N, C-alpha and C. Protein backbone atom coordinates (compact mmCIF):
# COMPACT_ATOMS: atom_id res chain seq x y z
N MET A 1 159.98 -152.81 -47.24
CA MET A 1 160.73 -151.73 -46.65
C MET A 1 161.91 -152.33 -45.86
N HIS A 2 162.68 -153.10 -46.56
CA HIS A 2 163.77 -153.83 -45.94
C HIS A 2 164.96 -152.95 -45.53
N LEU A 3 165.08 -151.76 -46.05
CA LEU A 3 166.20 -150.89 -45.70
C LEU A 3 165.91 -149.93 -44.56
N VAL A 4 164.69 -149.86 -44.12
CA VAL A 4 164.32 -148.95 -43.04
C VAL A 4 164.88 -149.49 -41.73
N PRO A 5 165.68 -148.67 -41.04
CA PRO A 5 166.23 -149.10 -39.74
C PRO A 5 165.11 -149.42 -38.75
N ALA A 6 165.40 -150.31 -37.85
CA ALA A 6 164.41 -150.77 -36.87
C ALA A 6 163.81 -149.62 -36.06
N ASP A 7 164.61 -148.61 -35.75
CA ASP A 7 164.09 -147.51 -34.93
C ASP A 7 163.11 -146.62 -35.70
N ARG A 8 162.98 -146.83 -37.01
CA ARG A 8 162.03 -146.05 -37.81
C ARG A 8 160.97 -146.92 -38.47
N ALA A 9 161.00 -148.21 -38.22
CA ALA A 9 160.11 -149.16 -38.89
C ALA A 9 158.64 -148.96 -38.54
N ASP A 10 158.34 -148.37 -37.41
CA ASP A 10 156.95 -148.21 -36.99
C ASP A 10 156.29 -146.95 -37.57
N ARG A 11 157.04 -146.16 -38.31
CA ARG A 11 156.49 -144.94 -38.90
C ARG A 11 155.69 -145.25 -40.16
N ARG A 12 154.66 -144.46 -40.36
CA ARG A 12 153.78 -144.61 -41.53
C ARG A 12 154.47 -144.04 -42.77
N THR A 13 154.46 -144.79 -43.86
CA THR A 13 155.05 -144.31 -45.11
C THR A 13 153.96 -144.09 -46.15
N ILE A 14 154.24 -143.25 -47.11
CA ILE A 14 153.34 -143.03 -48.24
C ILE A 14 153.79 -143.91 -49.41
N ASP A 15 155.06 -143.82 -49.75
CA ASP A 15 155.65 -144.60 -50.85
C ASP A 15 156.82 -145.41 -50.31
N GLY A 16 156.52 -146.54 -49.71
CA GLY A 16 157.53 -147.36 -49.05
C GLY A 16 158.70 -147.73 -49.93
N HIS A 17 158.42 -148.07 -51.19
CA HIS A 17 159.52 -148.46 -52.08
C HIS A 17 160.46 -147.28 -52.35
N ARG A 18 159.88 -146.07 -52.38
CA ARG A 18 160.73 -144.89 -52.58
C ARG A 18 161.54 -144.56 -51.33
N VAL A 19 160.99 -144.87 -50.17
CA VAL A 19 161.73 -144.68 -48.94
C VAL A 19 163.00 -145.54 -48.97
N CYS A 20 162.85 -146.78 -49.40
CA CYS A 20 164.01 -147.68 -49.51
C CYS A 20 165.00 -147.16 -50.54
N GLU A 21 164.51 -146.66 -51.66
CA GLU A 21 165.39 -146.09 -52.69
C GLU A 21 166.13 -144.87 -52.13
N ALA A 22 165.44 -144.05 -51.35
CA ALA A 22 166.05 -142.86 -50.76
C ALA A 22 167.14 -143.26 -49.76
N ILE A 23 166.87 -144.26 -48.95
CA ILE A 23 167.87 -144.74 -47.99
C ILE A 23 169.09 -145.26 -48.73
N ALA A 24 168.88 -146.02 -49.80
CA ALA A 24 170.00 -146.53 -50.59
C ALA A 24 170.78 -145.38 -51.24
N ALA A 25 170.06 -144.36 -51.71
CA ALA A 25 170.71 -143.22 -52.35
C ALA A 25 171.57 -142.44 -51.35
N ILE A 26 171.11 -142.32 -50.12
CA ILE A 26 171.88 -141.61 -49.09
C ILE A 26 173.15 -142.38 -48.78
N GLY A 27 173.07 -143.68 -48.66
CA GLY A 27 174.24 -144.51 -48.41
C GLY A 27 174.79 -144.36 -47.00
N ASP A 28 176.07 -144.63 -46.90
CA ASP A 28 176.78 -144.64 -45.63
C ASP A 28 176.85 -143.24 -45.01
N ALA A 29 176.53 -143.14 -43.74
CA ALA A 29 176.54 -141.85 -43.04
C ALA A 29 177.94 -141.22 -43.02
N GLY A 30 178.96 -142.02 -42.92
CA GLY A 30 180.33 -141.50 -42.94
C GLY A 30 180.67 -140.86 -44.27
N ARG A 31 180.22 -141.47 -45.34
CA ARG A 31 180.45 -140.92 -46.68
C ARG A 31 179.71 -139.60 -46.85
N VAL A 32 178.50 -139.53 -46.34
CA VAL A 32 177.73 -138.28 -46.39
C VAL A 32 178.46 -137.19 -45.61
N ARG A 33 179.00 -137.51 -44.44
CA ARG A 33 179.74 -136.55 -43.61
C ARG A 33 180.98 -136.06 -44.37
N THR A 34 181.69 -136.98 -45.02
CA THR A 34 182.89 -136.60 -45.79
C THR A 34 182.54 -135.59 -46.88
N TRP A 35 181.46 -135.84 -47.60
CA TRP A 35 181.04 -134.91 -48.65
C TRP A 35 180.57 -133.59 -48.06
N ALA A 36 179.87 -133.64 -46.94
CA ALA A 36 179.42 -132.39 -46.29
C ALA A 36 180.63 -131.56 -45.87
N ASP A 37 181.66 -132.22 -45.37
CA ASP A 37 182.89 -131.51 -44.99
C ASP A 37 183.55 -130.88 -46.22
N ARG A 38 183.58 -131.60 -47.33
CA ARG A 38 184.14 -131.03 -48.56
C ARG A 38 183.35 -129.80 -49.00
N PHE A 39 182.04 -129.93 -48.98
CA PHE A 39 181.21 -128.79 -49.39
C PHE A 39 181.39 -127.61 -48.44
N SER A 40 181.60 -127.86 -47.15
CA SER A 40 181.81 -126.75 -46.23
C SER A 40 183.11 -126.02 -46.54
N LEU A 41 184.12 -126.75 -47.00
CA LEU A 41 185.37 -126.10 -47.42
C LEU A 41 185.14 -125.19 -48.62
N LEU A 42 184.27 -125.63 -49.52
CA LEU A 42 183.99 -124.87 -50.73
C LEU A 42 182.98 -123.76 -50.50
N ALA A 43 182.29 -123.78 -49.37
CA ALA A 43 181.23 -122.80 -49.10
C ALA A 43 181.77 -121.41 -48.78
N ASP A 44 183.04 -121.32 -48.47
CA ASP A 44 183.66 -120.02 -48.19
C ASP A 44 184.16 -119.43 -49.52
N ALA A 45 183.72 -118.22 -49.84
CA ALA A 45 184.07 -117.60 -51.13
C ALA A 45 185.58 -117.43 -51.30
N ASN A 46 186.29 -117.09 -50.24
CA ASN A 46 187.74 -116.92 -50.36
C ASN A 46 188.44 -118.24 -50.64
N ARG A 47 188.05 -119.29 -49.91
CA ARG A 47 188.67 -120.59 -50.15
C ARG A 47 188.34 -121.09 -51.55
N LEU A 48 187.10 -120.87 -51.97
CA LEU A 48 186.73 -121.30 -53.31
C LEU A 48 187.52 -120.53 -54.37
N ALA A 49 187.72 -119.24 -54.16
CA ALA A 49 188.52 -118.45 -55.11
C ALA A 49 189.95 -118.98 -55.17
N LEU A 50 190.53 -119.30 -54.02
CA LEU A 50 191.88 -119.86 -54.01
C LEU A 50 191.93 -121.18 -54.78
N LEU A 51 190.95 -122.03 -54.53
CA LEU A 51 190.93 -123.33 -55.20
C LEU A 51 190.73 -123.19 -56.70
N LEU A 52 189.85 -122.27 -57.11
CA LEU A 52 189.65 -122.05 -58.55
C LEU A 52 190.93 -121.54 -59.20
N ALA A 53 191.63 -120.63 -58.53
CA ALA A 53 192.89 -120.11 -59.08
C ALA A 53 193.91 -121.24 -59.21
N LEU A 54 194.04 -122.05 -58.18
CA LEU A 54 194.99 -123.16 -58.23
C LEU A 54 194.60 -124.19 -59.28
N HIS A 55 193.31 -124.45 -59.38
CA HIS A 55 192.82 -125.43 -60.34
C HIS A 55 193.11 -124.99 -61.77
N ARG A 56 192.86 -123.73 -62.05
CA ARG A 56 193.03 -123.20 -63.41
C ARG A 56 194.48 -122.98 -63.80
N THR A 57 195.31 -122.52 -62.84
CA THR A 57 196.66 -122.10 -63.20
C THR A 57 197.74 -123.07 -62.79
N GLY A 58 197.43 -123.97 -61.88
CA GLY A 58 198.47 -124.85 -61.36
C GLY A 58 199.10 -124.24 -60.13
N PRO A 59 200.25 -124.77 -59.72
CA PRO A 59 200.87 -124.35 -58.47
C PRO A 59 201.16 -122.86 -58.40
N LEU A 60 200.79 -122.26 -57.25
CA LEU A 60 201.03 -120.83 -57.00
C LEU A 60 201.49 -120.64 -55.56
N ALA A 61 202.29 -119.61 -55.35
CA ALA A 61 202.76 -119.23 -54.02
C ALA A 61 201.72 -118.36 -53.32
N VAL A 62 201.84 -118.27 -52.02
CA VAL A 62 200.90 -117.50 -51.19
C VAL A 62 200.78 -116.06 -51.69
N SER A 63 201.89 -115.40 -51.93
CA SER A 63 201.85 -113.99 -52.33
C SER A 63 201.15 -113.81 -53.68
N ASP A 64 201.37 -114.75 -54.60
CA ASP A 64 200.70 -114.66 -55.89
C ASP A 64 199.19 -114.92 -55.75
N LEU A 65 198.84 -115.85 -54.89
CA LEU A 65 197.42 -116.10 -54.63
C LEU A 65 196.76 -114.89 -53.99
N ALA A 66 197.48 -114.22 -53.11
CA ALA A 66 196.94 -113.03 -52.46
C ALA A 66 196.64 -111.95 -53.49
N ILE A 67 197.54 -111.75 -54.42
CA ILE A 67 197.32 -110.75 -55.47
C ILE A 67 196.14 -111.16 -56.35
N ALA A 68 196.10 -112.43 -56.73
CA ALA A 68 195.05 -112.91 -57.63
C ALA A 68 193.66 -112.80 -57.01
N THR A 69 193.56 -113.05 -55.69
CA THR A 69 192.25 -113.10 -55.04
C THR A 69 191.87 -111.80 -54.33
N GLY A 70 192.84 -110.91 -54.13
CA GLY A 70 192.57 -109.68 -53.39
C GLY A 70 192.60 -109.87 -51.89
N MET A 71 193.05 -111.02 -51.45
CA MET A 71 193.19 -111.30 -50.02
C MET A 71 194.57 -110.85 -49.56
N ASN A 72 194.77 -110.75 -48.25
CA ASN A 72 196.12 -110.48 -47.77
C ASN A 72 196.84 -111.81 -47.52
N ASP A 73 198.17 -111.74 -47.45
CA ASP A 73 198.98 -112.96 -47.31
C ASP A 73 198.59 -113.81 -46.10
N PRO A 74 198.41 -113.22 -44.90
CA PRO A 74 198.03 -114.06 -43.75
C PRO A 74 196.69 -114.77 -43.95
N ALA A 75 195.72 -114.12 -44.58
CA ALA A 75 194.42 -114.76 -44.83
C ALA A 75 194.57 -115.93 -45.80
N VAL A 76 195.39 -115.75 -46.82
CA VAL A 76 195.65 -116.83 -47.78
C VAL A 76 196.33 -118.00 -47.06
N SER A 77 197.33 -117.68 -46.25
CA SER A 77 198.04 -118.74 -45.50
C SER A 77 197.10 -119.51 -44.59
N GLN A 78 196.23 -118.78 -43.90
CA GLN A 78 195.26 -119.44 -43.01
C GLN A 78 194.32 -120.36 -43.79
N ALA A 79 193.81 -119.89 -44.90
CA ALA A 79 192.91 -120.70 -45.73
C ALA A 79 193.64 -121.92 -46.26
N LEU A 80 194.87 -121.74 -46.70
CA LEU A 80 195.65 -122.87 -47.22
C LEU A 80 195.96 -123.88 -46.13
N ARG A 81 196.19 -123.42 -44.90
CA ARG A 81 196.40 -124.33 -43.77
C ARG A 81 195.19 -125.24 -43.59
N LEU A 82 194.02 -124.64 -43.64
CA LEU A 82 192.78 -125.41 -43.49
C LEU A 82 192.62 -126.40 -44.65
N LEU A 83 192.84 -125.94 -45.86
CA LEU A 83 192.71 -126.80 -47.04
C LEU A 83 193.77 -127.91 -47.03
N ARG A 84 194.95 -127.60 -46.57
CA ARG A 84 196.02 -128.60 -46.48
C ARG A 84 195.67 -129.65 -45.42
N ALA A 85 195.16 -129.21 -44.28
CA ALA A 85 194.78 -130.14 -43.21
C ALA A 85 193.67 -131.09 -43.66
N ALA A 86 192.82 -130.61 -44.56
CA ALA A 86 191.74 -131.45 -45.08
C ALA A 86 192.20 -132.34 -46.24
N GLY A 87 193.44 -132.18 -46.66
CA GLY A 87 193.96 -133.00 -47.75
C GLY A 87 193.54 -132.53 -49.13
N VAL A 88 193.07 -131.30 -49.23
CA VAL A 88 192.58 -130.77 -50.52
C VAL A 88 193.74 -130.19 -51.33
N VAL A 89 194.68 -129.54 -50.66
CA VAL A 89 195.85 -128.98 -51.34
C VAL A 89 197.11 -129.50 -50.67
N GLU A 90 198.21 -129.39 -51.40
CA GLU A 90 199.50 -129.65 -50.79
C GLU A 90 200.50 -128.64 -51.33
N GLY A 91 201.51 -128.37 -50.53
CA GLY A 91 202.54 -127.42 -50.92
C GLY A 91 203.82 -128.13 -51.28
N GLN A 92 204.51 -127.58 -52.24
CA GLN A 92 205.81 -128.10 -52.62
C GLN A 92 206.82 -126.98 -52.47
N LYS A 93 207.81 -127.23 -51.65
CA LYS A 93 208.81 -126.20 -51.35
C LYS A 93 209.91 -126.22 -52.40
N GLU A 94 210.21 -125.04 -52.92
CA GLU A 94 211.30 -124.85 -53.87
C GLU A 94 212.15 -123.71 -53.32
N GLY A 95 213.21 -124.05 -52.62
CA GLY A 95 214.00 -123.03 -51.94
C GLY A 95 213.19 -122.46 -50.79
N ARG A 96 212.99 -121.15 -50.83
CA ARG A 96 212.20 -120.49 -49.78
C ARG A 96 210.73 -120.33 -50.16
N VAL A 97 210.38 -120.72 -51.37
CA VAL A 97 209.02 -120.53 -51.87
C VAL A 97 208.25 -121.85 -51.81
N VAL A 98 207.02 -121.78 -51.31
CA VAL A 98 206.12 -122.94 -51.31
C VAL A 98 205.01 -122.66 -52.31
N ARG A 99 204.86 -123.56 -53.26
CA ARG A 99 203.78 -123.44 -54.24
C ARG A 99 202.73 -124.51 -53.92
N TYR A 100 201.47 -124.08 -53.94
CA TYR A 100 200.36 -124.97 -53.59
C TYR A 100 199.63 -125.42 -54.84
N ARG A 101 199.06 -126.63 -54.72
CA ARG A 101 198.26 -127.18 -55.82
C ARG A 101 197.13 -128.02 -55.23
N VAL A 102 196.07 -128.18 -56.01
CA VAL A 102 194.92 -128.99 -55.60
C VAL A 102 195.28 -130.46 -55.83
N VAL A 103 195.10 -131.29 -54.80
CA VAL A 103 195.44 -132.71 -54.92
C VAL A 103 194.23 -133.63 -54.73
N ASP A 104 193.14 -133.13 -54.18
CA ASP A 104 191.96 -133.97 -53.96
C ASP A 104 191.21 -134.14 -55.27
N ARG A 105 191.15 -135.36 -55.74
CA ARG A 105 190.54 -135.67 -57.03
C ARG A 105 189.06 -135.28 -57.07
N ASP A 106 188.34 -135.55 -56.00
CA ASP A 106 186.91 -135.23 -55.96
C ASP A 106 186.68 -133.71 -56.00
N VAL A 107 187.49 -132.98 -55.25
CA VAL A 107 187.37 -131.52 -55.26
C VAL A 107 187.74 -130.97 -56.63
N ARG A 108 188.76 -131.56 -57.26
CA ARG A 108 189.10 -131.12 -58.63
C ARG A 108 187.91 -131.29 -59.56
N GLY A 109 187.18 -132.39 -59.41
CA GLY A 109 185.99 -132.60 -60.23
C GLY A 109 184.93 -131.53 -60.00
N LEU A 110 184.73 -131.16 -58.74
CA LEU A 110 183.77 -130.10 -58.43
C LEU A 110 184.24 -128.76 -59.00
N LEU A 111 185.54 -128.50 -58.89
CA LEU A 111 186.09 -127.25 -59.43
C LEU A 111 185.97 -127.20 -60.94
N GLU A 112 186.06 -128.34 -61.56
CA GLU A 112 185.91 -128.42 -63.02
C GLU A 112 184.52 -127.92 -63.43
N HIS A 113 183.51 -128.31 -62.66
CA HIS A 113 182.14 -127.84 -62.91
C HIS A 113 182.04 -126.33 -62.69
N CYS A 114 182.65 -125.84 -61.61
CA CYS A 114 182.62 -124.40 -61.32
C CYS A 114 183.32 -123.63 -62.43
N ALA A 115 184.47 -124.11 -62.86
CA ALA A 115 185.25 -123.43 -63.88
C ALA A 115 184.51 -123.43 -65.22
N ALA A 116 183.86 -124.53 -65.55
CA ALA A 116 183.10 -124.62 -66.80
C ALA A 116 181.93 -123.65 -66.77
N ASP A 117 181.33 -123.50 -65.58
CA ASP A 117 180.20 -122.60 -65.41
C ASP A 117 180.61 -121.14 -65.58
N ALA A 118 181.88 -120.83 -65.24
CA ALA A 118 182.36 -119.46 -65.32
C ALA A 118 182.63 -119.02 -66.76
N GLY A 119 182.67 -119.97 -67.65
CA GLY A 119 182.83 -119.62 -69.05
C GLY A 119 184.18 -119.81 -69.50
């Protein structure tokens, strides 16, 4: 049980080798937090709808996303601000219009699974 941290070494195990495998599978706590944060972004149905629309269609403006998702413009803007701050989307300004697109490779992979599931 070489992977068990010292503060847990005195606990009784049933399958010690599996405990070590589980610890290895969990990996770095920072990496787990990063993935949990990504999943929390996707856990909101409105944000997920925005991301699926962007993933499937490519760059879209706030007003077009609002029509596509049934959200109002301020709600779309707020969601995009959050997604942009997390590095999931970025906007490209063309004159007075900003079009957003998904830039996080890992999130794109998750969206690919969601999109495939939708048929």
